[in-house]
């Protein structure tokens, strides 16, 4: 297993998706991802959720609700 714990991985997912990790942390993140099927699945779920939220018609999800959901994922810890 890599030197990055799953709990740390979860905390970094949003920054990774947004391209906000420094090169060293991104390397550690990707190394962990390659070795941990559970975290790979988690990242896929987050990406799918973001993709789905981006496709919802405006009348189905208010801008505030979209913001609240994305904030919840950004701040969620395992």
N, C-alpha and C. Protein backbone atom coordinates (compact mmCIF):
# COMPACT_ATOMS: atom_id res chain seq x y z
N UNK A 1 0.85 -1.18 0.00
CA UNK A 1 0.00 0.00 0.00
C UNK A 1 0.89 1.24 0.00
N UNK A 2 0.37 2.33 -0.51
CA UNK A 2 1.16 3.56 -0.58
C UNK A 2 1.25 4.23 0.79
N UNK A 3 2.01 5.31 0.87
CA UNK A 3 2.16 6.02 2.14
C UNK A 3 0.99 6.97 2.40
N UNK A 4 0.00 6.98 1.55
CA UNK A 4 -1.19 7.82 1.71
C UNK A 4 -2.32 6.95 2.26
N UNK A 5 -2.88 7.32 3.40
CA UNK A 5 -3.99 6.57 3.99
C UNK A 5 -5.28 6.86 3.22
N UNK A 6 -6.20 5.90 3.25
CA UNK A 6 -7.49 6.08 2.58
C UNK A 6 -8.22 7.32 3.10
N UNK A 7 -8.15 7.57 4.38
CA UNK A 7 -8.83 8.75 4.94
C UNK A 7 -8.25 10.05 4.37
N UNK A 8 -6.94 10.07 4.15
CA UNK A 8 -6.31 11.25 3.56
C UNK A 8 -6.69 11.36 2.09
N UNK A 9 -6.75 10.23 1.40
CA UNK A 9 -7.17 10.19 0.00
C UNK A 9 -8.54 10.84 -0.15
N UNK A 10 -9.48 10.44 0.70
CA UNK A 10 -10.85 10.96 0.64
C UNK A 10 -10.86 12.48 0.80
N UNK A 11 -10.03 12.97 1.71
CA UNK A 11 -9.97 14.42 1.95
C UNK A 11 -9.39 15.17 0.76
N UNK A 12 -8.62 14.51 -0.08
CA UNK A 12 -7.94 15.17 -1.20
C UNK A 12 -8.66 15.02 -2.55
N UNK A 13 -9.73 14.25 -2.59
CA UNK A 13 -10.39 13.95 -3.86
C UNK A 13 -10.82 15.21 -4.59
N UNK A 14 -11.48 16.13 -3.91
CA UNK A 14 -11.95 17.35 -4.58
C UNK A 14 -10.79 18.15 -5.13
N UNK A 15 -9.73 18.31 -4.35
CA UNK A 15 -8.56 19.05 -4.82
C UNK A 15 -7.95 18.36 -6.04
N UNK A 16 -7.91 17.02 -6.03
CA UNK A 16 -7.37 16.28 -7.17
C UNK A 16 -8.21 16.53 -8.42
N UNK A 17 -9.53 16.42 -8.29
CA UNK A 17 -10.42 16.61 -9.43
C UNK A 17 -10.29 18.02 -9.99
N UNK A 18 -10.10 18.99 -9.11
CA UNK A 18 -9.99 20.39 -9.52
C UNK A 18 -8.57 20.77 -9.94
N UNK A 19 -7.62 19.82 -9.90
CA UNK A 19 -6.25 20.09 -10.29
C UNK A 19 -5.49 20.95 -9.30
N UNK A 20 -5.87 20.84 -8.02
CA UNK A 20 -5.28 21.70 -7.01
C UNK A 20 -4.21 21.08 -6.13
N UNK A 21 -3.75 19.89 -6.45
CA UNK A 21 -2.70 19.26 -5.64
C UNK A 21 -1.33 19.65 -6.17
N UNK A 22 -0.38 19.84 -5.27
CA UNK A 22 0.99 20.09 -5.73
C UNK A 22 1.52 18.78 -6.33
N UNK A 23 2.56 18.86 -7.15
CA UNK A 23 3.05 17.67 -7.87
C UNK A 23 3.38 16.48 -6.97
N UNK A 24 3.99 16.73 -5.81
CA UNK A 24 4.33 15.63 -4.91
C UNK A 24 3.08 14.95 -4.37
N UNK A 25 2.11 15.73 -3.93
CA UNK A 25 0.88 15.15 -3.38
C UNK A 25 0.08 14.46 -4.48
N UNK A 26 0.07 15.02 -5.68
CA UNK A 26 -0.63 14.38 -6.78
C UNK A 26 0.00 13.02 -7.09
N UNK A 27 1.31 12.94 -7.05
CA UNK A 27 2.00 11.67 -7.28
C UNK A 27 1.62 10.65 -6.21
N UNK A 28 1.60 11.06 -4.96
CA UNK A 28 1.20 10.16 -3.87
C UNK A 28 -0.25 9.72 -4.04
N UNK A 29 -1.11 10.65 -4.44
CA UNK A 29 -2.53 10.36 -4.66
C UNK A 29 -2.70 9.31 -5.75
N UNK A 30 -2.02 9.52 -6.88
CA UNK A 30 -2.11 8.60 -8.02
C UNK A 30 -1.52 7.23 -7.65
N UNK A 31 -0.42 7.22 -6.90
CA UNK A 31 0.17 5.95 -6.46
C UNK A 31 -0.83 5.18 -5.59
N UNK A 32 -1.50 5.87 -4.68
CA UNK A 32 -2.49 5.22 -3.82
C UNK A 32 -3.65 4.70 -4.67
N UNK A 33 -4.09 5.51 -5.60
CA UNK A 33 -5.19 5.14 -6.48
C UNK A 33 -4.89 3.84 -7.23
N UNK A 34 -3.65 3.69 -7.67
CA UNK A 34 -3.26 2.49 -8.43
C UNK A 34 -3.27 1.23 -7.57
N UNK A 35 -3.16 1.40 -6.26
CA UNK A 35 -3.06 0.25 -5.36
C UNK A 35 -4.31 -0.05 -4.55
N UNK A 36 -5.30 0.83 -4.59
CA UNK A 36 -6.45 0.69 -3.69
C UNK A 36 -7.76 0.69 -4.47
N UNK A 37 -8.34 -0.49 -4.70
CA UNK A 37 -9.59 -0.56 -5.45
C UNK A 37 -10.74 0.19 -4.77
N UNK A 38 -10.75 0.23 -3.46
CA UNK A 38 -11.82 0.94 -2.74
C UNK A 38 -11.78 2.44 -3.03
N UNK A 39 -10.61 3.01 -3.02
CA UNK A 39 -10.47 4.44 -3.30
C UNK A 39 -10.70 4.73 -4.78
N UNK A 40 -10.33 3.80 -5.64
CA UNK A 40 -10.61 3.96 -7.07
C UNK A 40 -12.12 4.03 -7.28
N UNK A 41 -12.85 3.14 -6.61
CA UNK A 41 -14.32 3.16 -6.70
C UNK A 41 -14.91 4.44 -6.15
N UNK A 42 -14.34 4.92 -5.04
CA UNK A 42 -14.81 6.16 -4.43
C UNK A 42 -14.62 7.34 -5.40
N UNK A 43 -13.44 7.43 -6.00
CA UNK A 43 -13.17 8.51 -6.95
C UNK A 43 -14.15 8.43 -8.13
N UNK A 44 -14.40 7.24 -8.63
CA UNK A 44 -15.35 7.07 -9.73
C UNK A 44 -16.75 7.53 -9.32
N UNK A 45 -17.17 7.22 -8.09
CA UNK A 45 -18.49 7.65 -7.60
C UNK A 45 -18.57 9.17 -7.53
N UNK A 46 -17.54 9.81 -7.04
CA UNK A 46 -17.53 11.27 -6.94
C UNK A 46 -17.57 11.89 -8.33
N UNK A 47 -16.79 11.37 -9.24
CA UNK A 47 -16.81 11.89 -10.62
C UNK A 47 -18.19 11.72 -11.25
N UNK A 48 -18.80 10.57 -11.04
CA UNK A 48 -20.13 10.31 -11.60
C UNK A 48 -21.16 11.25 -10.99
N UNK A 49 -21.06 11.49 -9.70
CA UNK A 49 -21.98 12.41 -9.02
C UNK A 49 -21.83 13.82 -9.59
N UNK A 50 -20.61 14.27 -9.74
CA UNK A 50 -20.37 15.61 -10.30
C UNK A 50 -20.90 15.69 -11.72
N UNK A 51 -20.67 14.65 -12.50
CA UNK A 51 -21.16 14.60 -13.88
C UNK A 51 -22.68 14.66 -13.91
N UNK A 52 -23.33 13.88 -13.05
CA UNK A 52 -24.78 13.83 -13.00
C UNK A 52 -25.36 15.16 -12.54
N UNK A 53 -24.77 15.76 -11.51
CA UNK A 53 -25.25 17.06 -11.04
C UNK A 53 -25.11 18.12 -12.12
N UNK A 54 -24.10 18.02 -12.92
CA UNK A 54 -23.91 18.99 -13.99
C UNK A 54 -24.93 18.84 -15.11
N UNK A 55 -25.60 17.69 -15.18
CA UNK A 55 -26.56 17.44 -16.24
C UNK A 55 -28.01 17.65 -15.82
N UNK A 56 -28.28 17.87 -14.54
CA UNK A 56 -29.65 18.04 -14.11
C UNK A 56 -30.22 19.35 -14.65
N UNK A 57 -31.47 19.31 -15.12
CA UNK A 57 -32.09 20.56 -15.58
C UNK A 57 -32.18 21.56 -14.42
N UNK A 58 -32.07 22.84 -14.74
CA UNK A 58 -32.09 23.88 -13.72
C UNK A 58 -33.33 23.82 -12.84
N UNK A 59 -34.48 23.46 -13.40
CA UNK A 59 -35.70 23.44 -12.60
C UNK A 59 -35.76 22.26 -11.63
N UNK A 60 -34.83 21.32 -11.75
CA UNK A 60 -34.80 20.17 -10.85
C UNK A 60 -33.86 20.37 -9.67
N UNK A 61 -32.90 21.26 -9.82
CA UNK A 61 -31.92 21.49 -8.75
C UNK A 61 -31.52 22.96 -8.77
N UNK A 62 -31.83 23.65 -7.69
CA UNK A 62 -31.49 25.07 -7.64
C UNK A 62 -29.98 25.24 -7.56
N UNK A 63 -29.53 26.43 -7.88
CA UNK A 63 -28.10 26.73 -7.80
C UNK A 63 -27.60 26.55 -6.36
N UNK A 64 -28.42 26.94 -5.38
CA UNK A 64 -28.04 26.78 -3.98
C UNK A 64 -27.92 25.29 -3.61
N UNK A 65 -28.87 24.49 -4.08
CA UNK A 65 -28.82 23.05 -3.80
C UNK A 65 -27.59 22.42 -4.44
N UNK A 66 -27.28 22.81 -5.66
CA UNK A 66 -26.08 22.31 -6.36
C UNK A 66 -24.83 22.69 -5.57
N UNK A 67 -24.76 23.95 -5.13
CA UNK A 67 -23.63 24.42 -4.33
C UNK A 67 -23.53 23.63 -3.03
N UNK A 68 -24.66 23.43 -2.35
CA UNK A 68 -24.66 22.70 -1.08
C UNK A 68 -24.19 21.26 -1.25
N UNK A 69 -24.65 20.60 -2.30
CA UNK A 69 -24.24 19.21 -2.55
C UNK A 69 -22.74 19.13 -2.85
N UNK A 70 -22.26 20.00 -3.71
CA UNK A 70 -20.83 19.97 -4.02
C UNK A 70 -19.99 20.31 -2.80
N UNK A 71 -20.46 21.23 -1.97
CA UNK A 71 -19.75 21.56 -0.74
C UNK A 71 -19.73 20.37 0.22
N UNK A 72 -20.84 19.67 0.30
CA UNK A 72 -20.90 18.49 1.19
C UNK A 72 -19.88 17.45 0.76
N UNK A 73 -19.76 17.21 -0.55
CA UNK A 73 -18.76 16.24 -1.03
C UNK A 73 -17.35 16.76 -0.79
N UNK A 74 -17.18 18.05 -0.97
CA UNK A 74 -15.85 18.64 -0.79
C UNK A 74 -15.39 18.49 0.66
N UNK A 75 -16.33 18.59 1.61
CA UNK A 75 -16.00 18.56 3.03
C UNK A 75 -16.24 17.20 3.68
N UNK A 76 -16.71 16.21 2.91
CA UNK A 76 -17.06 14.91 3.47
C UNK A 76 -15.80 14.11 3.77
N UNK A 77 -15.81 13.46 4.92
CA UNK A 77 -14.71 12.56 5.25
C UNK A 77 -15.28 11.20 5.53
N UNK A 78 -14.50 10.22 5.30
CA UNK A 78 -14.91 8.83 5.45
C UNK A 78 -14.84 8.41 6.88
